PDB file of N, CA and C in Angstrom:
ATOM      1  N   UNK A   1     -39.102  25.109   3.116  1.00  0.00           N
ATOM      2  CA  UNK A   1     -39.662  25.150   4.508  1.00  0.00           C
ATOM      3  C   UNK A   1     -38.868  24.108   5.372  1.00  0.00           C
ATOM      4  N   UNK A   2     -38.485  24.721   6.436  1.00  0.00           N
ATOM      5  CA  UNK A   2     -37.714  23.891   7.386  1.00  0.00           C
ATOM      6  C   UNK A   2     -38.552  23.025   8.413  1.00  0.00           C
ATOM      7  N   UNK A   3     -38.139  21.763   8.520  1.00  0.00           N
ATOM      8  CA  UNK A   3     -38.823  20.798   9.311  1.00  0.00           C
ATOM      9  C   UNK A   3     -38.166  20.824  10.648  1.00  0.00           C
ATOM     10  N   UNK A   4     -38.954  20.366  11.809  1.00  0.00           N
ATOM     11  CA  UNK A   4     -38.409  20.280  13.071  1.00  0.00           C
ATOM     12  C   UNK A   4     -37.175  19.389  13.215  1.00  0.00           C
ATOM     13  N   UNK A   5     -36.998  18.430  12.436  1.00  0.00           N
ATOM     14  CA  UNK A   5     -35.876  17.384  12.666  1.00  0.00           C
ATOM     15  C   UNK A   5     -34.701  17.776  11.827  1.00  0.00           C
ATOM     16  N   UNK A   6     -34.723  18.851  11.099  1.00  0.00           N
ATOM     17  CA  UNK A   6     -33.477  19.302  10.244  1.00  0.00           C
ATOM     18  C   UNK A   6     -32.288  19.539  11.097  1.00  0.00           C
ATOM     19  N   UNK A   7     -32.505  20.173  12.142  1.00  0.00           N
ATOM     20  CA  UNK A   7     -31.347  20.393  13.021  1.00  0.00           C
ATOM     21  C   UNK A   7     -30.653  19.077  13.734  1.00  0.00           C
ATOM     22  N   UNK A   8     -31.419  18.234  14.008  1.00  0.00           N
ATOM     23  CA  UNK A   8     -30.761  16.846  14.494  1.00  0.00           C
ATOM     24  C   UNK A   8     -30.144  16.133  13.338  1.00  0.00           C
ATOM     25  N   UNK A   9     -30.825  16.268  12.104  1.00  0.00           N
ATOM     26  CA  UNK A   9     -30.109  15.534  10.996  1.00  0.00           C
ATOM     27  C   UNK A   9     -28.792  16.172  10.733  1.00  0.00           C
ATOM     28  N   UNK A  10     -28.674  17.488  10.824  1.00  0.00           N
ATOM     29  CA  UNK A  10     -27.380  18.246  10.526  1.00  0.00           C
ATOM     30  C   UNK A  10     -26.443  17.841  11.790  1.00  0.00           C
ATOM     31  N   UNK A  11     -26.951  17.873  12.893  1.00  0.00           N
ATOM     32  CA  UNK A  11     -25.968  17.467  14.014  1.00  0.00           C
ATOM     33  C   UNK A  11     -25.471  15.989  13.897  1.00  0.00           C
ATOM     34  N   UNK A  12     -26.542  15.003  13.544  1.00  0.00           N
ATOM     35  CA  UNK A  12     -25.942  13.628  13.258  1.00  0.00           C
ATOM     36  C   UNK A  12     -24.985  13.639  12.285  1.00  0.00           C
ATOM     37  N   UNK A  13     -25.273  14.320  11.180  1.00  0.00           N
ATOM     38  CA  UNK A  13     -24.188  14.220   9.957  1.00  0.00           C
ATOM     39  C   UNK A  13     -22.825  14.930  10.475  1.00  0.00           C
ATOM     40  N   UNK A  14     -22.847  15.934  11.228  1.00  0.00           N
ATOM     41  CA  UNK A  14     -21.656  16.550  11.729  1.00  0.00           C
ATOM     42  C   UNK A  14     -20.898  15.533  12.687  1.00  0.00           C
ATOM     43  N   UNK A  15     -21.590  14.924  13.491  1.00  0.00           N
ATOM     44  CA  UNK A  15     -20.981  13.865  14.379  1.00  0.00           C
ATOM     45  C   UNK A  15     -20.319  12.627  13.752  1.00  0.00           C
ATOM     46  N   UNK A  16     -21.147  12.156  12.820  1.00  0.00           N
ATOM     47  CA  UNK A  16     -20.562  11.104  12.013  1.00  0.00           C
ATOM     48  C   UNK A  16     -19.333  11.450  11.280  1.00  0.00           C
ATOM     49  N   UNK A  17     -19.487  12.609  10.614  1.00  0.00           N
ATOM     50  CA  UNK A  17     -18.291  13.138   9.780  1.00  0.00           C
ATOM     51  C   UNK A  17     -16.951  13.253  10.804  1.00  0.00           C
ATOM     52  N   UNK A  18     -17.185  13.959  11.962  1.00  0.00           N
ATOM     53  CA  UNK A  18     -16.078  14.068  12.774  1.00  0.00           C
ATOM     54  C   UNK A  18     -15.592  12.868  13.304  1.00  0.00           C
ATOM     55  N   UNK A  19     -16.325  11.935  13.870  1.00  0.00           N
ATOM     56  CA  UNK A  19     -15.874  10.711  14.276  1.00  0.00           C
ATOM     57  C   UNK A  19     -15.245   9.773  13.257  1.00  0.00           C
ATOM     58  N   UNK A  20     -15.930   9.643  12.202  1.00  0.00           N
ATOM     59  CA  UNK A  20     -15.327   8.897  11.058  1.00  0.00           C
ATOM     60  C   UNK A  20     -14.075   9.302  10.551  1.00  0.00           C
ATOM     61  N   UNK A  21     -13.994  10.727  10.425  1.00  0.00           N
ATOM     62  CA  UNK A  21     -12.609  11.355  10.050  1.00  0.00           C
ATOM     63  C   UNK A  21     -11.571  11.191  11.030  1.00  0.00           C
ATOM     64  N   UNK A  22     -11.996  11.166  12.350  1.00  0.00           N
ATOM     65  CA  UNK A  22     -10.923  11.116  13.424  1.00  0.00           C
ATOM     66  C   UNK A  22     -10.419   9.643  13.371  1.00  0.00           C
ATOM     67  N   UNK A  23     -11.200   8.685  12.972  1.00  0.00           N
ATOM     68  CA  UNK A  23     -10.754   7.392  13.011  1.00  0.00           C
ATOM     69  C   UNK A  23      -9.566   7.178  12.072  1.00  0.00           C
ATOM     70  N   UNK A  24      -9.495   7.829  10.938  1.00  0.00           N
ATOM     71  CA  UNK A  24      -8.346   7.647  10.062  1.00  0.00           C
ATOM     72  C   UNK A  24      -7.180   8.422  10.655  1.00  0.00           C
ATOM     73  N   UNK A  25      -7.432   9.415  11.279  1.00  0.00           N
ATOM     74  CA  UNK A  25      -6.294  10.151  12.064  1.00  0.00           C
ATOM     75  C   UNK A  25      -5.679   9.134  13.193  1.00  0.00           C
ATOM     76  N   UNK A  26      -6.553   8.539  13.985  1.00  0.00           N
ATOM     77  CA  UNK A  26      -6.133   7.669  15.066  1.00  0.00           C
ATOM     78  C   UNK A  26      -5.425   6.476  14.448  1.00  0.00           C
ATOM     79  N   UNK A  27      -5.837   5.975  13.258  1.00  0.00           N
ATOM     80  CA  UNK A  27      -5.178   4.841  12.531  1.00  0.00           C
ATOM     81  C   UNK A  27      -3.789   5.246  12.245  1.00  0.00           C
ATOM     82  N   UNK A  28      -3.724   6.426  11.697  1.00  0.00           N
ATOM     83  CA  UNK A  28      -2.301   6.977  11.213  1.00  0.00           C
ATOM     84  C   UNK A  28      -1.402   7.095  12.409  1.00  0.00           C
ATOM     85  N   UNK A  29      -1.890   7.657  13.488  1.00  0.00           N
ATOM     86  CA  UNK A  29      -1.088   7.693  14.718  1.00  0.00           C
ATOM     87  C   UNK A  29      -0.671   6.379  15.289  1.00  0.00           C
ATOM     88  N   UNK A  30      -1.756   5.483  15.382  1.00  0.00           N
ATOM     89  CA  UNK A  30      -1.465   4.236  16.111  1.00  0.00           C
ATOM     90  C   UNK A  30      -0.647   3.254  15.353  1.00  0.00           C
ATOM     91  N   UNK A  31      -0.635   3.213  13.936  1.00  0.00           N
ATOM     92  CA  UNK A  31       0.115   2.372  13.272  1.00  0.00           C
ATOM     93  C   UNK A  31       1.589   2.681  13.333  1.00  0.00           C
ATOM     94  N   UNK A  32       2.052   3.776  13.735  1.00  0.00           N
ATOM     95  CA  UNK A  32       3.354   4.376  13.704  1.00  0.00           C
ATOM     96  C   UNK A  32       4.086   3.653  14.972  1.00  0.00           C
ATOM     97  N   UNK A  33       3.362   3.277  16.091  1.00  0.00           N
ATOM     98  CA  UNK A  33       3.915   2.531  17.176  1.00  0.00           C
ATOM     99  C   UNK A  33       3.692   0.963  17.342  1.00  0.00           C
ATOM    100  N   UNK A  34       2.694   0.515  16.457  1.00  0.00           N
ATOM    101  CA  UNK A  34       2.300  -0.897  16.642  1.00  0.00           C
ATOM    102  C   UNK A  34       2.228  -1.534  15.230  1.00  0.00           C
ATOM    103  N   UNK A  35       2.207  -2.883  15.223  1.00  0.00           N
ATOM    104  CA  UNK A  35       1.978  -3.465  13.951  1.00  0.00           C
ATOM    105  C   UNK A  35       0.401  -3.326  13.487  1.00  0.00           C
ATOM    106  N   UNK A  36       0.167  -3.105  12.134  1.00  0.00           N
ATOM    107  CA  UNK A  36      -1.205  -2.719  11.761  1.00  0.00           C
ATOM    108  C   UNK A  36      -2.216  -3.698  12.250  1.00  0.00           C
ATOM    109  N   UNK A  37      -2.241  -4.879  11.985  1.00  0.00           N
ATOM    110  CA  UNK A  37      -3.128  -5.826  12.470  1.00  0.00           C
ATOM    111  C   UNK A  37      -3.359  -5.959  13.952  1.00  0.00           C
ATOM    112  N   UNK A  38      -2.350  -5.775  14.849  1.00  0.00           N
ATOM    113  CA  UNK A  38      -2.454  -5.792  16.196  1.00  0.00           C
ATOM    114  C   UNK A  38      -3.218  -4.453  16.637  1.00  0.00           C
ATOM    115  N   UNK A  39      -2.809  -3.390  16.116  1.00  0.00           N
ATOM    116  CA  UNK A  39      -3.586  -2.192  16.259  1.00  0.00           C
ATOM    117  C   UNK A  39      -5.201  -2.240  16.087  1.00  0.00           C
ATOM    118  N   UNK A  40      -5.423  -2.840  14.914  1.00  0.00           N
ATOM    119  CA  UNK A  40      -6.718  -2.982  14.518  1.00  0.00           C
ATOM    120  C   UNK A  40      -7.472  -4.009  15.525  1.00  0.00           C
ATOM    121  N   UNK A  41      -6.764  -4.931  15.930  1.00  0.00           N
ATOM    122  CA  UNK A  41      -7.465  -5.952  16.912  1.00  0.00           C
ATOM    123  C   UNK A  41      -7.659  -5.304  18.193  1.00  0.00           C
ATOM    124  N   UNK A  42      -6.656  -4.568  18.792  1.00  0.00           N
ATOM    125  CA  UNK A  42      -6.907  -3.869  19.996  1.00  0.00           C
ATOM    126  C   UNK A  42      -8.132  -2.775  19.864  1.00  0.00           C
ATOM    127  N   UNK A  43      -8.221  -2.106  18.759  1.00  0.00           N
ATOM    128  CA  UNK A  43      -9.366  -1.182  18.591  1.00  0.00           C
ATOM    129  C   UNK A  43     -10.772  -1.915  18.621  1.00  0.00           C
ATOM    130  N   UNK A  44     -10.645  -3.119  17.937  1.00  0.00           N
ATOM    131  CA  UNK A  44     -11.987  -3.952  17.950  1.00  0.00           C
ATOM    132  C   UNK A  44     -12.327  -4.363  19.408  1.00  0.00           C
ATOM    133  N   UNK A  45     -11.254  -4.933  19.973  1.00  0.00           N
ATOM    134  CA  UNK A  45     -11.474  -5.359  21.378  1.00  0.00           C
ATOM    135  C   UNK A  45     -12.046  -4.338  22.248  1.00  0.00           C
ATOM    136  N   UNK A  46     -11.380  -3.171  22.258  1.00  0.00           N
ATOM    137  CA  UNK A  46     -11.917  -2.117  23.143  1.00  0.00           C
ATOM    138  C   UNK A  46     -13.396  -1.612  22.686  1.00  0.00           C
ATOM    139  N   UNK A  47     -13.704  -1.619  21.410  1.00  0.00           N
ATOM    140  CA  UNK A  47     -15.055  -1.176  20.938  1.00  0.00           C
ATOM    141  C   UNK A  47     -15.999  -2.318  21.374  1.00  0.00           C
ATOM    142  N   UNK A  48     -15.482  -3.647  21.317  1.00  0.00           N
ATOM    143  CA  UNK A  48     -16.464  -4.682  21.531  1.00  0.00           C
ATOM    144  C   UNK A  48     -16.773  -4.689  22.993  1.00  0.00           C
ATOM    145  N   UNK A  49     -15.823  -4.542  23.870  1.00  0.00           N
ATOM    146  CA  UNK A  49     -16.001  -4.428  25.362  1.00  0.00           C
ATOM    147  C   UNK A  49     -17.005  -3.316  25.818  1.00  0.00           C
ATOM    148  N   UNK A  50     -16.943  -2.106  25.115  1.00  0.00           N
ATOM    149  CA  UNK A  50     -17.718  -1.008  25.395  1.00  0.00           C
ATOM    150  C   UNK A  50     -19.080  -1.453  24.845  1.00  0.00           C
ATOM    151  N   UNK A  51     -19.247  -1.969  23.808  1.00  0.00           N
ATOM    152  CA  UNK A  51     -20.573  -2.491  23.339  1.00  0.00           C
ATOM    153  C   UNK A  51     -21.288  -3.478  24.011  1.00  0.00           C
ATOM    154  N   UNK A  52     -20.537  -4.286  24.644  1.00  0.00           N
ATOM    155  CA  UNK A  52     -21.125  -5.510  25.545  1.00  0.00           C
ATOM    156  C   UNK A  52     -21.572  -4.872  26.861  1.00  0.00           C
ATOM    157  N   UNK A  53     -20.710  -3.974  27.382  1.00  0.00           N
ATOM    158  CA  UNK A  53     -21.248  -3.302  28.694  1.00  0.00           C
ATOM    159  C   UNK A  53     -22.356  -2.422  28.489  1.00  0.00           C
ATOM    160  N   UNK A  54     -22.462  -1.660  27.280  1.00  0.00           N
ATOM    161  CA  UNK A  54     -23.729  -0.926  27.023  1.00  0.00           C
ATOM    162  C   UNK A  54     -24.879  -1.780  26.873  1.00  0.00           C
ATOM    163  N   UNK A  55     -24.716  -2.927  26.148  1.00  0.00           N
ATOM    164  CA  UNK A  55     -25.872  -3.825  25.850  1.00  0.00           C
ATOM    165  C   UNK A  55     -26.318  -4.550  27.042  1.00  0.00           C
ATOM    166  N   UNK A  56     -25.326  -4.843  27.990  1.00  0.00           N
ATOM    167  CA  UNK A  56     -25.809  -5.463  29.215  1.00  0.00           C
ATOM    168  C   UNK A  56     -26.529  -4.385  30.085  1.00  0.00           C
ATOM    169  N   UNK A  57     -26.040  -3.145  30.098  1.00  0.00           N
ATOM    170  CA  UNK A  57     -26.774  -2.272  30.887  1.00  0.00           C
ATOM    171  C   UNK A  57     -28.124  -1.960  30.339  1.00  0.00           C
ATOM    172  N   UNK A  58     -28.309  -1.954  29.007  1.00  0.00           N
ATOM    173  CA  UNK A  58     -29.616  -1.515  28.458  1.00  0.00           C
ATOM    174  C   UNK A  58     -30.487  -2.858  28.380  1.00  0.00           C
ATOM    175  N   UNK A  59     -29.918  -4.152  28.641  1.00  0.00           N
ATOM    176  CA  UNK A  59     -30.758  -5.352  28.848  1.00  0.00           C
ATOM    177  C   UNK A  59     -30.916  -5.913  27.442  1.00  0.00           C
ATOM    178  N   UNK A  60     -30.172  -5.694  26.426  1.00  0.00           N
ATOM    179  CA  UNK A  60     -30.280  -6.349  25.097  1.00  0.00           C
ATOM    180  C   UNK A  60     -30.129  -7.768  25.076  1.00  0.00           C
ATOM    181  N   UNK A  61     -30.724  -8.517  24.140  1.00  0.00           N
ATOM    182  CA  UNK A  61     -30.369  -9.958  24.123  1.00  0.00           C
ATOM    183  C   UNK A  61     -29.138 -10.325  23.421  1.00  0.00           C
ATOM    184  N   UNK A  62     -28.529 -11.245  23.941  1.00  0.00           N
ATOM    185  CA  UNK A  62     -27.226 -11.944  23.276  1.00  0.00           C
ATOM    186  C   UNK A  62     -27.508 -13.102  22.548  1.00  0.00           C
ATOM    187  N   UNK A  63     -26.601 -13.645  21.796  1.00  0.00           N
ATOM    188  CA  UNK A  63     -26.845 -14.822  20.974  1.00  0.00           C
ATOM    189  C   UNK A  63     -27.215 -15.971  21.972  1.00  0.00           C
ATOM    190  N   UNK A  64     -28.317 -16.637  21.443  1.00  0.00           N
ATOM    191  CA  UNK A  64     -28.791 -17.762  22.439  1.00  0.00           C
ATOM    192  C   UNK A  64     -28.105 -19.084  22.019  1.00  0.00           C
ATOM    193  N   UNK A  65     -27.745 -19.256  20.943  1.00  0.00           N
ATOM    194  CA  UNK A  65     -27.163 -20.584  20.668  1.00  0.00           C
ATOM    195  C   UNK A  65     -25.680 -20.377  20.147  1.00  0.00           C
ATOM    196  N   UNK A  66     -24.898 -21.473  20.131  1.00  0.00           N
ATOM    197  CA  UNK A  66     -23.529 -21.510  19.700  1.00  0.00           C
ATOM    198  C   UNK A  66     -23.542 -21.284  18.263  1.00  0.00           C
ATOM    199  N   UNK A  67     -24.494 -21.769  17.546  1.00  0.00           N
ATOM    200  CA  UNK A  67     -24.523 -21.655  16.067  1.00  0.00           C
ATOM    201  C   UNK A  67     -24.725 -20.075  15.797  1.00  0.00           C
ATOM    202  N   UNK A  68     -25.686 -19.445  16.487  1.00  0.00           N
ATOM    203  CA  UNK A  68     -25.774 -17.967  16.126  1.00  0.00           C
ATOM    204  C   UNK A  68     -24.557 -17.193  16.672  1.00  0.00           C
ATOM    205  N   UNK A  69     -23.906 -17.516  17.681  1.00  0.00           N
ATOM    206  CA  UNK A  69     -22.714 -16.927  18.116  1.00  0.00           C
ATOM    207  C   UNK A  69     -21.632 -17.068  17.015  1.00  0.00           C
ATOM    208  N   UNK A  70     -21.416 -18.353  16.586  1.00  0.00           N
ATOM    209  CA  UNK A  70     -20.422 -18.662  15.599  1.00  0.00           C
ATOM    210  C   UNK A  70     -20.649 -17.855  14.294  1.00  0.00           C
ATOM    211  N   UNK A  71     -21.888 -17.731  13.867  1.00  0.00           N
ATOM    212  CA  UNK A  71     -22.075 -16.952  12.569  1.00  0.00           C
ATOM    213  C   UNK A  71     -21.781 -15.430  12.874  1.00  0.00           C
ATOM    214  N   UNK A  72     -22.129 -14.988  14.037  1.00  0.00           N
ATOM    215  CA  UNK A  72     -21.828 -13.597  14.278  1.00  0.00           C
ATOM    216  C   UNK A  72     -20.321 -13.356  14.460  1.00  0.00           C
ATOM    217  N   UNK A  73     -19.576 -14.349  14.896  1.00  0.00           N
ATOM    218  CA  UNK A  73     -18.164 -14.265  15.148  1.00  0.00           C
ATOM    219  C   UNK A  73     -17.442 -14.284  13.817  1.00  0.00           C
ATOM    220  N   UNK A  74     -17.927 -15.000  12.820  1.00  0.00           N
ATOM    221  CA  UNK A  74     -17.498 -14.977  11.435  1.00  0.00           C
ATOM    222  C   UNK A  74     -17.516 -13.749  10.683  1.00  0.00           C
ATOM    223  N   UNK A  75     -18.769 -13.040  10.996  1.00  0.00           N
ATOM    224  CA  UNK A  75     -19.072 -11.702  10.274  1.00  0.00           C
ATOM    225  C   UNK A  75     -18.102 -10.719  10.931  1.00  0.00           C
ATOM    226  N   UNK A  76     -17.920 -10.887  12.255  1.00  0.00           N
ATOM    227  CA  UNK A  76     -16.933  -9.900  13.025  1.00  0.00           C
ATOM    228  C   UNK A  76     -15.563 -10.155  12.468  1.00  0.00           C
ATOM    229  N   UNK A  77     -15.183 -11.296  12.209  1.00  0.00           N
ATOM    230  CA  UNK A  77     -13.871 -11.677  11.735  1.00  0.00           C
ATOM    231  C   UNK A  77     -13.503 -11.036  10.321  1.00  0.00           C
ATOM    232  N   UNK A  78     -14.503 -11.242   9.507  1.00  0.00           N
ATOM    233  CA  UNK A  78     -14.443 -10.603   8.153  1.00  0.00           C
ATOM    234  C   UNK A  78     -14.445  -9.043   8.197  1.00  0.00           C
ATOM    235  N   UNK A  79     -15.073  -8.474   9.117  1.00  0.00           N
ATOM    236  CA  UNK A  79     -15.104  -7.068   9.213  1.00  0.00           C
ATOM    237  C   UNK A  79     -13.770  -6.624   9.723  1.00  0.00           C
ATOM    238  N   UNK A  80     -13.131  -7.274  10.741  1.00  0.00           N
ATOM    239  CA  UNK A  80     -11.749  -6.914  11.154  1.00  0.00           C
ATOM    240  C   UNK A  80     -10.676  -7.101  10.167  1.00  0.00           C
ATOM    241  N   UNK A  81     -10.807  -8.223   9.388  1.00  0.00           N
ATOM    242  CA  UNK A  81      -9.650  -8.532   8.642  1.00  0.00           C
ATOM    243  C   UNK A  81      -9.915  -7.910   7.241  1.00  0.00           C
ATOM    244  N   UNK A  82     -11.027  -7.998   6.783  1.00  0.00           N
ATOM    245  CA  UNK A  82     -11.512  -7.394   5.371  1.00  0.00           C
ATOM    246  C   UNK A  82     -11.599  -5.947   5.352  1.00  0.00           C
ATOM    247  N   UNK A  83     -12.457  -5.529   6.157  1.00  0.00           N
ATOM    248  CA  UNK A  83     -12.728  -3.990   6.203  1.00  0.00           C
ATOM    249  C   UNK A  83     -11.625  -3.221   6.890  1.00  0.00           C
ATOM    250  N   UNK A  84     -11.692  -3.157   8.223  1.00  0.00           N
ATOM    251  CA  UNK A  84     -10.693  -2.377   8.938  1.00  0.00           C
ATOM    252  C   UNK A  84      -9.261  -2.804   8.651  1.00  0.00           C
ATOM    253  N   UNK A  85      -8.965  -4.149   8.632  1.00  0.00           N
ATOM    254  CA  UNK A  85      -7.867  -4.684   8.678  1.00  0.00           C
ATOM    255  C   UNK A  85      -6.987  -4.051   7.443  1.00  0.00           C
ATOM    256  N   UNK A  86      -7.532  -4.110   6.162  1.00  0.00           N
ATOM    257  CA  UNK A  86      -7.003  -3.661   5.126  1.00  0.00           C
ATOM    258  C   UNK A  86      -6.768  -2.046   5.133  1.00  0.00           C
ATOM    259  N   UNK A  87      -7.632  -1.330   5.587  1.00  0.00           N
ATOM    260  CA  UNK A  87      -7.482   0.044   5.898  1.00  0.00           C
ATOM    261  C   UNK A  87      -6.320   0.339   6.680  1.00  0.00           C
ATOM    262  N   UNK A  88      -6.183  -0.318   7.870  1.00  0.00           N
ATOM    263  CA  UNK A  88      -5.091  -0.018   8.845  1.00  0.00           C
ATOM    264  C   UNK A  88      -3.777  -0.420   8.149  1.00  0.00           C
ATOM    265  N   UNK A  89      -3.767  -1.549   7.318  1.00  0.00           N
ATOM    266  CA  UNK A  89      -2.512  -2.044   6.638  1.00  0.00           C
ATOM    267  C   UNK A  89      -2.174  -0.884   5.622  1.00  0.00           C
ATOM    268  N   UNK A  90      -3.110  -0.380   4.825  1.00  0.00           N
ATOM    269  CA  UNK A  90      -2.760   0.700   3.879  1.00  0.00           C
ATOM    270  C   UNK A  90      -2.438   1.943   4.687  1.00  0.00           C
ATOM    271  N   UNK A  91      -2.956   2.310   5.690  1.00  0.00           N
ATOM    272  CA  UNK A  91      -2.481   3.537   6.324  1.00  0.00           C
ATOM    273  C   UNK A  91      -0.960   3.424   6.883  1.00  0.00           C
ATOM    274  N   UNK A  92      -0.485   2.261   7.030  1.00  0.00           N
ATOM    275  CA  UNK A  92       0.926   2.039   7.353  1.00  0.00           C
ATOM    276  C   UNK A  92       1.847   2.538   6.304  1.00  0.00           C
ATOM    277  N   UNK A  93       1.496   2.376   5.000  1.00  0.00           N
ATOM    278  CA  UNK A  93       2.354   2.825   3.908  1.00  0.00           C
ATOM    279  C   UNK A  93       1.631   3.890   3.205  1.00  0.00           C
TER     280      UNK A  93
END
C-alpha cells in the first residue's frame, strides 16, 4: 500500500544522491587546479557563508558564548581536516 509521503521520500533520496555524487565530481575537477586543502577550505568557506546568511534570514540563534563558539569551531575544524580534507587529498591521487 502506497503512503502519501512516499513520493517525497523518493524525491529526497534522489536529491541527496545527486548532490552527494556531484560533490565528488566537483572535488575531482577542483583539485586539478588548486592544492587539495586550499580547495577544501574554499568550499567550506563558501558553504559556511551561505549557511550564515540563511540562518540570519530565518532568525536562528547563534552561539551565545565564546566557549560554545570555540567548541563548535573545533568540530568544524575536525570535519574540514578529518572528513572532507582527507577525501579531497585522496581525490588528488
